[in-house]
Structure formats: C-alpha cells, structure tokens
Amino acid sequence: MNAPTPLHAASHKPQNHPLPFSFEFFPARNELMAHNLWRTVGQLELLNPAFFSMTYGALNSAREQSISAVATLCQQQSVPVAAHLTSAGHTRADMLATAQDFHAAGVRHIVALRGDAEGVPGAITDVAEMVTALRQVADFEISVAAYPEVHPQAASAAADLAHLKRKLDAGASRALTQYFFEADVFLRFRDNAVQAGIEHAIVPGILPVNNLEKVEAFSARCGAQVPAAFKQHFVGTESGSLEQQKIGIAHALELCETLRREGVEAMHFYTLNLPNMSFEVARHLGAGVDDARLQQAA
C-alpha cells in the first residue's frame, strides 16, 4: 500500500517518540462478550495507555450495563477511565445524575456526546450546553466528538466545525474523531479546524479493520467513507479472516505512521473489544509494555 500524500508537511515536526494512545471498548451484553472485553482490557493495559474509554447506551438495560462496565473498569485496573455519556435518551436531571454516579465510581473524564437515542422532554439537545452542565457537576476532564468527513446531520462542513468549536469553547479539553481510512481526510480537517479558530487538540480515531463487510455496513450508518482504493486491498479475502486482519493491521499502521510524520501527538483506537489488532499497531508505533503490569499479570 502506498502512504497517502501528506499535507503541509513542512509545518509540522516529525514525532519519533512513542505516542500517547487511548483505547475504546463497549460494554459486554453476554458472558462470551464479557470474556472478550476483559481479555482486551488486560492485554492493552500492558501498554500503559493514556486512558481507556467505555461507550454508553442511554436506554433501559443498556444504560445499566454501561454504568456497571465503567465501575468495574475503574475498580479492576489502574488506567484512567473515560466514560461516554449522551445527552439524548434521558432528561437533563437524569443525565447529570448519571455523571454523578460515574464520578462516585472514580471517573474523572467524560466523553460528552449527543447520542442516537430518541429525544425526551427535558433533555439537553446541545452538546455545548451539556459540557457546561457537566463542568458544574464536577471538575471533569471532557472530550467531545469530531467528524473529519462531516456529521451526517450537519447542515455543512462549516456548520459542523462551528459546532465543534462551540463544544470545545464550552470547556472540553479535546476532540476525538470518527474513524477514517485516508490520512488526507484528517489532515485537511485539522487544517480547516485551525482556520476556523480551533486551538484544542484533535485526536484521530483509528479503526484497524478485521471484517470489511461489517465495517462497510457500520460506516454507511455513521457517515464514514470506505474508499474504493482501501477496499481493493481486501479483494479475494474472506470476511473476518486472518488475512483481512493482517491487511487491517498493515493499513492502520501505515495510516498512523503518516499521521505521526504530520505532527499528530496522540491516537485513539476503536478496539471493537478485539485486542490483538490495536495492540500490534500500537507496539509497532513504539508503545512499550509496562514491566510492572506485566509482572502483575504473570
């Protein structure tokens, strides 16, 4: 695979040192998924990541699973935990009560999102307002979402960037992006963000692909583009096969190396609760195994 053409290479210093990595998980819904989740956590914990994050379901049992998973994650390992929290799906009071529950469980970092659940009366509908409200609950570190290929519901790319700036100016520390598969997509977005007056860190979201068919289906729903040139690498391979995983690792590593050459200083991995691919990419990028954690795991 040929690396994407870098943008404005002269304006960014190359990074040769190991980058801060973070890893995202989703709550388990059955015993097998729970086994995969904690196996993933245990393996990636060895890399001494900047933080773990856990996604959130706002409705009924999904909400309880999210809160329980975050509490367990805080209790069973020492990596800081960022809890996802959505404004949609519950009232302002319920959302802030959940934030208090997270804080009581040891969470000091919230990923504030609008979410896909149906709106309810009394819900916060604006993430910038949500960020302001969360800062009044506790001194949370707050991350928000960014969309290099524009949020599917945004009126325009400019409107999407203006919304991102409002979220960050409301008190967020950084933006974590939706995944993408071409470095130029992120680099153009970063340039446009700077031109829009955004000075906060924008951390690229990386998805090592282990099953192209599933990723295409998910990407169609969330607005991420799966380029034809990227799909071409998988021609003749079987969905979810070891061969697809090897291709996914190689592509993710190439993507990350290009971003690092362009001055990117942190990366956020969407693990899909599968540790091996993100672990391999991070190790190749220079992440070292924490010897103390390795001895504890032995």
C-alpha atoms as a PDB file:
ATOM      1  CA  MET A   1       0.000   0.000   0.000  1.00  0.00           C
ATOM      2  CA  ASN A   2       1.195   3.491  -0.803  1.00  0.00           C
ATOM      3  CA  ALA A   3       1.008   6.017   2.012  1.00  0.00           C
ATOM      4  CA  PRO A   4      -1.432   8.931   1.453  1.00  0.00           C
ATOM      5  CA  THR A   5       0.165  12.166   0.332  1.00  0.00           C
ATOM      6  CA  PRO A   6       0.959  14.338   3.389  1.00  0.00           C
ATOM      7  CA  LEU A   7      -0.459  17.860   3.582  1.00  0.00           C
ATOM      8  CA  HIS A   8       1.644  20.848   4.697  1.00  0.00           C
ATOM      9  CA  ALA A   9       4.471  18.554   5.816  1.00  0.00           C
ATOM     10  CA  ALA A  10       6.866  21.421   6.388  1.00  0.00           C
ATOM     11  CA  SER A  11       4.646  22.982   9.053  1.00  0.00           C
ATOM     12  CA  HIS A  12       4.736  20.017  11.433  1.00  0.00           C
ATOM     13  CA  LYS A  13       7.668  18.455  13.215  1.00  0.00           C
ATOM     14  CA  PRO A  14       8.061  14.677  12.853  1.00  0.00           C
ATOM     15  CA  GLN A  15       7.400  12.649  16.002  1.00  0.00           C
ATOM     16  CA  ASN A  16       9.853   9.811  16.643  1.00  0.00           C
ATOM     17  CA  HIS A  17       8.955   9.119  20.272  1.00  0.00           C
ATOM     18  CA  PRO A  18       6.126   6.809  21.389  1.00  0.00           C
ATOM     19  CA  LEU A  19       2.723   8.484  21.189  1.00  0.00           C
ATOM     20  CA  PRO A  20       0.069   8.590  23.916  1.00  0.00           C
ATOM     21  CA  PHE A  21      -2.552   6.004  22.967  1.00  0.00           C
ATOM     22  CA  SER A  22      -6.110   5.558  24.211  1.00  0.00           C
ATOM     23  CA  PHE A  23      -8.403   2.600  23.589  1.00  0.00           C
ATOM     24  CA  GLU A  24     -12.175   2.418  23.343  1.00  0.00           C
ATOM     25  CA  PHE A  25     -14.395  -0.509  24.391  1.00  0.00           C
ATOM     26  CA  PHE A  26     -18.118  -1.228  24.517  1.00  0.00           C
ATOM     27  CA  PRO A  27     -19.995  -2.916  27.387  1.00  0.00           C
ATOM     28  CA  ALA A  28     -20.489  -6.683  27.204  1.00  0.00           C
ATOM     29  CA  ARG A  29     -24.033  -7.983  26.717  1.00  0.00           C
ATOM     30  CA  ASN A  30     -23.390 -11.676  27.434  1.00  0.00           C
ATOM     31  CA  GLU A  31     -20.827 -13.966  29.040  1.00  0.00           C
ATOM     32  CA  LEU A  32     -18.750 -14.508  25.888  1.00  0.00           C
ATOM     33  CA  MET A  33     -18.618 -10.777  25.203  1.00  0.00           C
ATOM     34  CA  ALA A  34     -17.589 -10.180  28.808  1.00  0.00           C
ATOM     35  CA  HIS A  35     -14.711 -12.636  28.416  1.00  0.00           C
ATOM     36  CA  ASN A  36     -13.547 -10.831  25.246  1.00  0.00           C
ATOM     37  CA  LEU A  37     -13.868  -7.425  26.889  1.00  0.00           C
ATOM     38  CA  TRP A  38     -11.758  -8.195  29.952  1.00  0.00           C
ATOM     39  CA  ARG A  39      -9.212 -10.073  27.853  1.00  0.00           C
ATOM     40  CA  THR A  40      -8.937  -6.945  25.698  1.00  0.00           C
ATOM     41  CA  VAL A  41      -8.568  -4.692  28.724  1.00  0.00           C
ATOM     42  CA  GLY A  42      -5.913  -6.930  30.259  1.00  0.00           C
ATOM     43  CA  GLN A  43      -3.808  -7.042  27.114  1.00  0.00           C
ATOM     44  CA  LEU A  44      -3.998  -3.343  26.279  1.00  0.00           C
ATOM     45  CA  GLU A  45      -3.373  -2.338  29.887  1.00  0.00           C
ATOM     46  CA  LEU A  46       0.172  -3.629  29.408  1.00  0.00           C
ATOM     47  CA  LEU A  47       0.850  -0.759  27.005  1.00  0.00           C
ATOM     48  CA  ASN A  48       0.373   1.865  29.750  1.00  0.00           C
ATOM     49  CA  PRO A  49      -2.240   3.814  27.749  1.00  0.00           C
ATOM     50  CA  ALA A  50      -3.244   7.404  28.411  1.00  0.00           C
ATOM     51  CA  PHE A  51      -6.797   6.253  29.128  1.00  0.00           C
ATOM     52  CA  PHE A  52      -9.482   3.687  28.344  1.00  0.00           C
ATOM     53  CA  SER A  53     -12.945   4.758  27.256  1.00  0.00           C
ATOM     54  CA  MET A  54     -16.252   2.885  27.514  1.00  0.00           C
ATOM     55  CA  THR A  55     -19.207   3.564  25.235  1.00  0.00           C
ATOM     56  CA  TYR A  56     -22.668   4.309  26.578  1.00  0.00           C
ATOM     57  CA  GLY A  57     -26.191   3.097  25.925  1.00  0.00           C
ATOM     58  CA  ALA A  58     -28.800   5.546  27.216  1.00  0.00           C
ATOM     59  CA  LEU A  59     -31.817   3.236  27.198  1.00  0.00           C
ATOM     60  CA  ASN A  60     -33.008   0.825  29.876  1.00  0.00           C
ATOM     61  CA  SER A  61     -30.696  -2.161  30.425  1.00  0.00           C
ATOM     62  CA  ALA A  62     -28.014  -0.719  28.099  1.00  0.00           C
ATOM     63  CA  ARG A  63     -27.634   2.240  30.444  1.00  0.00           C
ATOM     64  CA  GLU A  64     -27.175  -0.033  33.462  1.00  0.00           C
ATOM     65  CA  GLN A  65     -24.663  -2.179  31.549  1.00  0.00           C
ATOM     66  CA  SER A  66     -22.689   0.953  30.682  1.00  0.00           C
ATOM     67  CA  ILE A  67     -22.565   2.225  34.254  1.00  0.00           C
ATOM     68  CA  SER A  68     -21.671  -1.233  35.603  1.00  0.00           C
ATOM     69  CA  ALA A  69     -18.938  -1.755  32.994  1.00  0.00           C
ATOM     70  CA  VAL A  70     -17.365   1.618  33.771  1.00  0.00           C
ATOM     71  CA  ALA A  71     -17.455   0.980  37.521  1.00  0.00           C
ATOM     72  CA  THR A  72     -15.830  -2.438  37.064  1.00  0.00           C
ATOM     73  CA  LEU A  73     -13.207  -0.995  34.729  1.00  0.00           C
ATOM     74  CA  CYS A  74     -12.311   1.635  37.326  1.00  0.00           C
ATOM     75  CA  GLN A  75     -12.060  -0.960  40.093  1.00  0.00           C
ATOM     76  CA  GLN A  76     -10.059  -3.664  38.329  1.00  0.00           C
ATOM     77  CA  GLN A  77      -7.216  -1.756  36.701  1.00  0.00           C
ATOM     78  CA  SER A  78      -5.253   1.452  37.156  1.00  0.00           C
ATOM     79  CA  VAL A  79      -5.557   3.082  33.724  1.00  0.00           C
ATOM     80  CA  PRO A  80      -7.716   6.247  33.862  1.00  0.00           C
ATOM     81  CA  VAL A  81     -11.225   5.624  32.520  1.00  0.00           C
ATOM     82  CA  ALA A  82     -13.233   7.978  30.311  1.00  0.00           C
ATOM     83  CA  ALA A  83     -16.953   7.238  30.472  1.00  0.00           C
ATOM     84  CA  HIS A  84     -19.048   8.045  27.413  1.00  0.00           C
ATOM     85  CA  LEU A  85     -22.255   9.888  28.264  1.00  0.00           C
ATOM     86  CA  THR A  86     -25.024  11.008  25.894  1.00  0.00           C
ATOM     87  CA  SER A  87     -27.451  13.882  26.259  1.00  0.00           C
ATOM     88  CA  ALA A  88     -30.153  12.079  24.252  1.00  0.00           C
ATOM     89  CA  GLY A  89     -32.351   9.402  25.786  1.00  0.00           C
ATOM     90  CA  HIS A  90     -32.895  10.923  29.217  1.00  0.00           C
ATOM     91  CA  THR A  91     -33.714  14.196  30.902  1.00  0.00           C
ATOM     92  CA  ARG A  92     -31.121  16.747  31.907  1.00  0.00           C
ATOM     93  CA  ALA A  93     -31.568  15.727  35.549  1.00  0.00           C
ATOM     94  CA  ASP A  94     -31.106  12.023  34.784  1.00  0.00           C
ATOM     95  CA  MET A  95     -28.050  12.706  32.644  1.00  0.00           C
ATOM     96  CA  LEU A  96     -26.423  14.760  35.380  1.00  0.00           C
ATOM     97  CA  ALA A  97     -27.317  12.107  37.973  1.00  0.00           C
ATOM     98  CA  THR A  98     -25.529   9.531  35.800  1.00  0.00           C
ATOM     99  CA  ALA A  99     -22.499  11.831  35.656  1.00  0.00           C
ATOM    100  CA  GLN A 100     -22.541  11.937  39.461  1.00  0.00           C
ATOM    101  CA  ASP A 101     -22.726   8.115  39.528  1.00  0.00           C
ATOM    102  CA  PHE A 102     -19.692   7.962  37.263  1.00  0.00           C
ATOM    103  CA  HIS A 103     -17.805  10.400  39.472  1.00  0.00           C
ATOM    104  CA  ALA A 104     -18.630   8.306  42.554  1.00  0.00           C
ATOM    105  CA  ALA A 105     -17.256   5.244  40.713  1.00  0.00           C
ATOM    106  CA  GLY A 106     -13.922   7.020  40.189  1.00  0.00           C
ATOM    107  CA  VAL A 107     -14.429   8.525  36.735  1.00  0.00           C
ATOM    108  CA  ARG A 108     -12.757  11.885  36.176  1.00  0.00           C
ATOM    109  CA  HIS A 109     -13.037  12.012  32.383  1.00  0.00           C
ATOM    110  CA  ILE A 110     -16.290  12.157  30.363  1.00  0.00           C
ATOM    111  CA  VAL A 111     -16.707  11.800  26.597  1.00  0.00           C
ATOM    112  CA  ALA A 112     -19.745  14.041  26.023  1.00  0.00           C
ATOM    113  CA  LEU A 113     -21.936  13.060  23.073  1.00  0.00           C
ATOM    114  CA  ARG A 114     -25.387  13.846  21.758  1.00  0.00           C
ATOM    115  CA  GLY A 115     -26.196  10.181  21.091  1.00  0.00           C
ATOM    116  CA  ASP A 116     -28.642   8.474  18.766  1.00  0.00           C
ATOM    117  CA  ALA A 117     -31.499   7.772  21.196  1.00  0.00           C
ATOM    118  CA  GLU A 118     -34.887   9.460  20.793  1.00  0.00           C
ATOM    119  CA  GLY A 119     -35.107  12.820  22.487  1.00  0.00           C
ATOM    120  CA  VAL A 120     -37.217  13.073  25.624  1.00  0.00           C
ATOM    121  CA  PRO A 121     -38.859  16.114  27.232  1.00  0.00           C
ATOM    122  CA  GLY A 122     -36.356  17.903  29.415  1.00  0.00           C
ATOM    123  CA  ALA A 123     -33.302  16.540  27.597  1.00  0.00           C
ATOM    124  CA  ILE A 124     -30.266  18.648  26.748  1.00  0.00           C
ATOM    125  CA  THR A 125     -30.180  18.854  22.963  1.00  0.00           C
ATOM    126  CA  ASP A 126     -26.936  20.790  22.565  1.00  0.00           C
ATOM    127  CA  VAL A 127     -23.592  19.189  23.468  1.00  0.00           C
ATOM    128  CA  ALA A 128     -22.006  22.560  24.222  1.00  0.00           C
ATOM    129  CA  GLU A 129     -24.718  23.082  26.853  1.00  0.00           C
ATOM    130  CA  MET A 130     -24.063  19.534  28.086  1.00  0.00           C
ATOM    131  CA  VAL A 131     -20.354  20.290  28.515  1.00  0.00           C
ATOM    132  CA  THR A 132     -21.170  23.395  30.558  1.00  0.00           C
ATOM    133  CA  ALA A 133     -23.569  21.418  32.745  1.00  0.00           C
ATOM    134  CA  LEU A 134     -21.074  18.603  33.332  1.00  0.00           C
ATOM    135  CA  ARG A 135     -18.433  21.091  34.454  1.00  0.00           C
ATOM    136  CA  GLN A 136     -20.869  22.177  37.171  1.00  0.00           C
ATOM    137  CA  VAL A 137     -21.270  18.589  38.437  1.00  0.00           C
ATOM    138  CA  ALA A 138     -17.545  18.031  38.986  1.00  0.00           C
ATOM    139  CA  ASP A 139     -14.177  19.086  37.650  1.00  0.00           C
ATOM    140  CA  PHE A 140     -14.368  16.534  34.840  1.00  0.00           C
ATOM    141  CA  GLU A 141     -11.896  16.387  32.006  1.00  0.00           C
ATOM    142  CA  ILE A 142     -14.178  16.361  28.960  1.00  0.00           C
ATOM    143  CA  SER A 143     -13.676  15.085  25.425  1.00  0.00           C
ATOM    144  CA  VAL A 144     -16.132  15.639  22.567  1.00  0.00           C
ATOM    145  CA  ALA A 145     -16.609  14.082  19.134  1.00  0.00           C
ATOM    146  CA  ALA A 146     -15.395  15.431  15.788  1.00  0.00           C
ATOM    147  CA  TYR A 147     -16.208  14.274  12.274  1.00  0.00           C
ATOM    148  CA  PRO A 148     -13.478  14.656   9.633  1.00  0.00           C
ATOM    149  CA  GLU A 149     -15.972  13.684   6.914  1.00  0.00           C
ATOM    150  CA  VAL A 150     -18.787  15.848   8.398  1.00  0.00           C
ATOM    151  CA  HIS A 151     -21.527  14.615  10.712  1.00  0.00           C
ATOM    152  CA  PRO A 152     -24.386  13.085   8.660  1.00  0.00           C
ATOM    153  CA  GLN A 153     -26.878  15.536  10.176  1.00  0.00           C
ATOM    154  CA  ALA A 154     -24.752  18.670   9.833  1.00  0.00           C
ATOM    155  CA  ALA A 155     -26.005  21.409   7.520  1.00  0.00           C
ATOM    156  CA  SER A 156     -22.500  21.851   6.062  1.00  0.00           C
ATOM    157  CA  ALA A 157     -18.834  21.270   6.818  1.00  0.00           C
ATOM    158  CA  ALA A 158     -18.528  24.859   8.038  1.00  0.00           C
ATOM    159  CA  ALA A 159     -21.533  24.449  10.342  1.00  0.00           C
ATOM    160  CA  ASP A 160     -20.077  21.212  11.687  1.00  0.00           C
ATOM    161  CA  LEU A 161     -16.779  22.931  12.508  1.00  0.00           C
ATOM    162  CA  ALA A 162     -18.604  25.842  14.144  1.00  0.00           C
ATOM    163  CA  HIS A 163     -20.492  23.351  16.322  1.00  0.00           C
ATOM    164  CA  LEU A 164     -17.231  21.625  17.251  1.00  0.00           C
ATOM    165  CA  LYS A 165     -15.695  24.957  18.250  1.00  0.00           C
ATOM    166  CA  ARG A 166     -18.687  25.714  20.490  1.00  0.00           C
ATOM    167  CA  LYS A 167     -18.309  22.360  22.247  1.00  0.00           C
ATOM    168  CA  LEU A 168     -14.619  22.901  22.852  1.00  0.00           C
ATOM    169  CA  ASP A 169     -15.024  26.523  23.945  1.00  0.00           C
ATOM    170  CA  ALA A 170     -17.679  25.407  26.448  1.00  0.00           C
ATOM    171  CA  GLY A 171     -14.980  23.628  28.442  1.00  0.00           C
ATOM    172  CA  ALA A 172     -13.894  20.455  26.639  1.00  0.00           C
ATOM    173  CA  SER A 173     -10.211  19.543  26.567  1.00  0.00           C
ATOM    174  CA  ARG A 174     -10.008  17.752  23.227  1.00  0.00           C
ATOM    175  CA  ALA A 175     -11.931  16.251  20.330  1.00  0.00           C
ATOM    176  CA  LEU A 176     -11.790  12.563  19.454  1.00  0.00           C
ATOM    177  CA  THR A 177     -12.585  11.975  15.795  1.00  0.00           C
ATOM    178  CA  GLN A 178     -14.726   9.464  13.999  1.00  0.00           C
ATOM    179  CA  TYR A 179     -12.515   6.884  12.274  1.00  0.00           C
ATOM    180  CA  PHE A 180     -11.323   7.410   8.712  1.00  0.00           C
ATOM    181  CA  PHE A 181      -9.141   5.473   6.299  1.00  0.00           C
ATOM    182  CA  GLU A 182      -7.103   8.111   4.469  1.00  0.00           C
ATOM    183  CA  ALA A 183      -4.645  10.415   6.201  1.00  0.00           C
ATOM    184  CA  ASP A 184      -5.525  13.325   3.916  1.00  0.00           C
ATOM    185  CA  VAL A 185      -9.078  13.261   5.306  1.00  0.00           C
ATOM    186  CA  PHE A 186      -7.815  14.015   8.808  1.00  0.00           C
ATOM    187  CA  LEU A 187      -5.090  16.443   7.724  1.00  0.00           C
ATOM    188  CA  ARG A 188      -7.492  18.573   5.696  1.00  0.00           C
ATOM    189  CA  PHE A 189      -9.937  18.539   8.602  1.00  0.00           C
ATOM    190  CA  ARG A 190      -7.193  19.626  11.008  1.00  0.00           C
ATOM    191  CA  ASP A 191      -6.196  22.472   8.689  1.00  0.00           C
ATOM    192  CA  ASN A 192      -9.820  23.592   8.363  1.00  0.00           C
ATOM    193  CA  ALA A 193     -10.245  23.430  12.142  1.00  0.00           C
ATOM    194  CA  VAL A 194      -7.256  25.729  12.649  1.00  0.00           C
ATOM    195  CA  GLN A 195      -8.678  28.145  10.075  1.00  0.00           C
ATOM    196  CA  ALA A 196     -11.984  28.067  11.993  1.00  0.00           C
ATOM    197  CA  GLY A 197     -10.153  29.208  15.136  1.00  0.00           C
ATOM    198  CA  ILE A 198      -9.996  25.831  16.901  1.00  0.00           C
ATOM    199  CA  GLU A 199      -6.875  25.575  19.067  1.00  0.00           C
ATOM    200  CA  HIS A 200      -7.717  22.463  21.121  1.00  0.00           C
ATOM    201  CA  ALA A 201      -6.166  19.069  20.452  1.00  0.00           C
ATOM    202  CA  ILE A 202      -7.910  16.960  17.808  1.00  0.00           C
ATOM    203  CA  VAL A 203      -7.083  13.278  18.304  1.00  0.00           C
ATOM    204  CA  PRO A 204      -7.569  10.977  15.307  1.00  0.00           C
ATOM    205  CA  GLY A 205      -9.723   7.894  15.763  1.00  0.00           C
ATOM    206  CA  ILE A 206      -8.144   4.735  14.323  1.00  0.00           C
ATOM    207  CA  LEU A 207     -10.096   1.591  13.429  1.00  0.00           C
ATOM    208  CA  PRO A 208      -7.959  -1.437  12.476  1.00  0.00           C
ATOM    209  CA  VAL A 209     -10.324  -3.384  10.191  1.00  0.00           C
ATOM    210  CA  ASN A 210     -10.844  -7.049  10.982  1.00  0.00           C
ATOM    211  CA  ASN A 211     -14.023  -7.577   8.934  1.00  0.00           C
ATOM    212  CA  LEU A 212     -14.514  -5.348   5.901  1.00  0.00           C
ATOM    213  CA  GLU A 213     -18.149  -6.329   5.351  1.00  0.00           C
ATOM    214  CA  LYS A 214     -19.172  -5.311   8.881  1.00  0.00           C
ATOM    215  CA  VAL A 215     -17.152  -2.101   8.730  1.00  0.00           C
ATOM    216  CA  GLU A 216     -18.821  -1.110   5.446  1.00  0.00           C
ATOM    217  CA  ALA A 217     -22.278  -1.664   6.955  1.00  0.00           C
ATOM    218  CA  PHE A 218     -21.443   0.351  10.074  1.00  0.00           C
ATOM    219  CA  SER A 219     -19.758   3.129   8.100  1.00  0.00           C
ATOM    220  CA  ALA A 220     -22.849   3.579   5.930  1.00  0.00           C
ATOM    221  CA  ARG A 221     -24.835   4.401   9.076  1.00  0.00           C
ATOM    222  CA  CYS A 222     -22.330   6.768  10.700  1.00  0.00           C
ATOM    223  CA  GLY A 223     -21.147   8.705   7.656  1.00  0.00           C
ATOM    224  CA  ALA A 224     -17.571   7.408   7.427  1.00  0.00           C
ATOM    225  CA  GLN A 225     -16.324   6.769   3.900  1.00  0.00           C
ATOM    226  CA  VAL A 226     -14.706   3.443   2.959  1.00  0.00           C
ATOM    227  CA  PRO A 227     -12.632   4.395  -0.117  1.00  0.00           C
ATOM    228  CA  ALA A 228     -12.569   2.124  -3.149  1.00  0.00           C
ATOM    229  CA  ALA A 229      -8.770   2.059  -3.061  1.00  0.00           C
ATOM    230  CA  PHE A 230      -8.902   0.809   0.523  1.00  0.00           C
ATOM    231  CA  LYS A 231     -11.453  -1.892  -0.295  1.00  0.00           C
ATOM    232  CA  GLN A 232      -9.305  -3.048  -3.188  1.00  0.00           C
ATOM    233  CA  HIS A 233      -6.731  -4.423  -0.744  1.00  0.00           C
ATOM    234  CA  PHE A 234      -9.332  -6.892   0.537  1.00  0.00           C
ATOM    235  CA  VAL A 235     -10.389  -8.304  -2.829  1.00  0.00           C
ATOM    236  CA  GLY A 236     -10.320 -12.094  -2.781  1.00  0.00           C
ATOM    237  CA  THR A 237     -10.272 -12.321   1.032  1.00  0.00           C
ATOM    238  CA  GLU A 238     -12.916 -13.794   3.305  1.00  0.00           C
ATOM    239  CA  SER A 239     -14.854 -11.606   5.759  1.00  0.00           C
ATOM    240  CA  GLY A 240     -13.291 -11.732   9.212  1.00  0.00           C
ATOM    241  CA  SER A 241     -10.414 -13.927   8.074  1.00  0.00           C
ATOM    242  CA  LEU A 242      -6.862 -13.812   9.402  1.00  0.00           C
ATOM    243  CA  GLU A 243      -5.846 -12.413   6.019  1.00  0.00           C
ATOM    244  CA  GLN A 244      -8.243  -9.479   6.449  1.00  0.00           C
ATOM    245  CA  GLN A 245      -6.866  -8.855   9.926  1.00  0.00           C
ATOM    246  CA  LYS A 246      -3.297  -8.732   8.598  1.00  0.00           C
ATOM    247  CA  ILE A 247      -4.343  -6.251   5.921  1.00  0.00           C
ATOM    248  CA  GLY A 248      -6.188  -4.194   8.537  1.00  0.00           C
ATOM    249  CA  ILE A 249      -3.123  -4.056  10.788  1.00  0.00           C
ATOM    250  CA  ALA A 250      -0.836  -3.065   7.908  1.00  0.00           C
ATOM    251  CA  HIS A 251      -3.169  -0.312   6.762  1.00  0.00           C
ATOM    252  CA  ALA A 252      -3.740   1.076  10.270  1.00  0.00           C
ATOM    253  CA  LEU A 253      -0.008   1.130  10.925  1.00  0.00           C
ATOM    254  CA  GLU A 254       0.677   2.921   7.650  1.00  0.00           C
ATOM    255  CA  LEU A 255      -2.065   5.430   8.396  1.00  0.00           C
ATOM    256  CA  CYS A 256      -0.708   6.106  11.893  1.00  0.00           C
ATOM    257  CA  GLU A 257       2.851   6.487  10.676  1.00  0.00           C
ATOM    258  CA  THR A 258       1.727   9.062   8.103  1.00  0.00           C
ATOM    259  CA  LEU A 259      -0.188  10.962  10.769  1.00  0.00           C
ATOM    260  CA  ARG A 260       2.802  10.886  13.092  1.00  0.00           C
ATOM    261  CA  ARG A 261       5.023  12.337  10.366  1.00  0.00           C
ATOM    262  CA  GLU A 262       2.483  15.147  10.092  1.00  0.00           C
ATOM    263  CA  GLY A 263       2.805  16.035  13.772  1.00  0.00           C
ATOM    264  CA  VAL A 264      -0.071  14.086  15.318  1.00  0.00           C
ATOM    265  CA  GLU A 265       0.703  13.708  19.029  1.00  0.00           C
ATOM    266  CA  ALA A 266      -1.910  11.168  20.227  1.00  0.00           C
ATOM    267  CA  MET A 267      -4.166   8.461  18.779  1.00  0.00           C
ATOM    268  CA  HIS A 268      -7.450   6.907  19.877  1.00  0.00           C
ATOM    269  CA  PHE A 269      -8.136   3.288  18.874  1.00  0.00           C
ATOM    270  CA  TYR A 270     -11.572   1.780  18.357  1.00  0.00           C
ATOM    271  CA  THR A 271     -10.834  -1.762  19.509  1.00  0.00           C
ATOM    272  CA  LEU A 272     -14.251  -3.413  18.911  1.00  0.00           C
ATOM    273  CA  ASN A 273     -13.279  -5.389  22.042  1.00  0.00           C
ATOM    274  CA  LEU A 274     -10.657  -7.248  19.987  1.00  0.00           C
ATOM    275  CA  PRO A 275      -7.215  -6.605  21.472  1.00  0.00           C
ATOM    276  CA  ASN A 276      -4.740  -8.097  19.038  1.00  0.00           C
ATOM    277  CA  MET A 277      -5.008  -5.624  16.174  1.00  0.00           C
ATOM    278  CA  SER A 278      -4.815  -2.411  18.207  1.00  0.00           C
ATOM    279  CA  PHE A 279      -2.081  -3.965  20.353  1.00  0.00           C
ATOM    280  CA  GLU A 280       0.023  -4.827  17.288  1.00  0.00           C
ATOM    281  CA  VAL A 281      -0.360  -1.376  15.739  1.00  0.00           C
ATOM    282  CA  ALA A 282       0.495   0.410  18.995  1.00  0.00           C
ATOM    283  CA  ARG A 283       3.535  -1.803  19.591  1.00  0.00           C
ATOM    284  CA  HIS A 284       4.841  -1.161  16.082  1.00  0.00           C
ATOM    285  CA  LEU A 285       4.415   2.558  16.729  1.00  0.00           C
ATOM    286  CA  GLY A 286       6.675   2.302  19.765  1.00  0.00           C
ATOM    287  CA  ALA A 287       4.350   1.608  22.687  1.00  0.00           C
ATOM    288  CA  GLY A 288       6.331  -0.264  25.323  1.00  0.00           C
ATOM    289  CA  VAL A 289       4.968  -2.944  27.603  1.00  0.00           C
ATOM    290  CA  ASP A 290       4.738  -1.774  31.207  1.00  0.00           C
ATOM    291  CA  ASP A 291       7.013  -4.208  33.090  1.00  0.00           C
ATOM    292  CA  ALA A 292       5.220  -3.675  36.417  1.00  0.00           C
ATOM    293  CA  ARG A 293       1.843  -4.530  34.881  1.00  0.00           C
ATOM    294  CA  LEU A 294       3.383  -7.483  33.029  1.00  0.00           C
ATOM    295  CA  GLN A 295       4.650  -8.916  36.341  1.00  0.00           C
ATOM    296  CA  GLN A 296       1.232  -8.418  37.918  1.00  0.00           C
ATOM    297  CA  ALA A 297      -0.396 -10.234  35.017  1.00  0.00           C
ATOM    298  CA  ALA A 298       2.038 -13.150  35.167  1.00  0.00           C
END
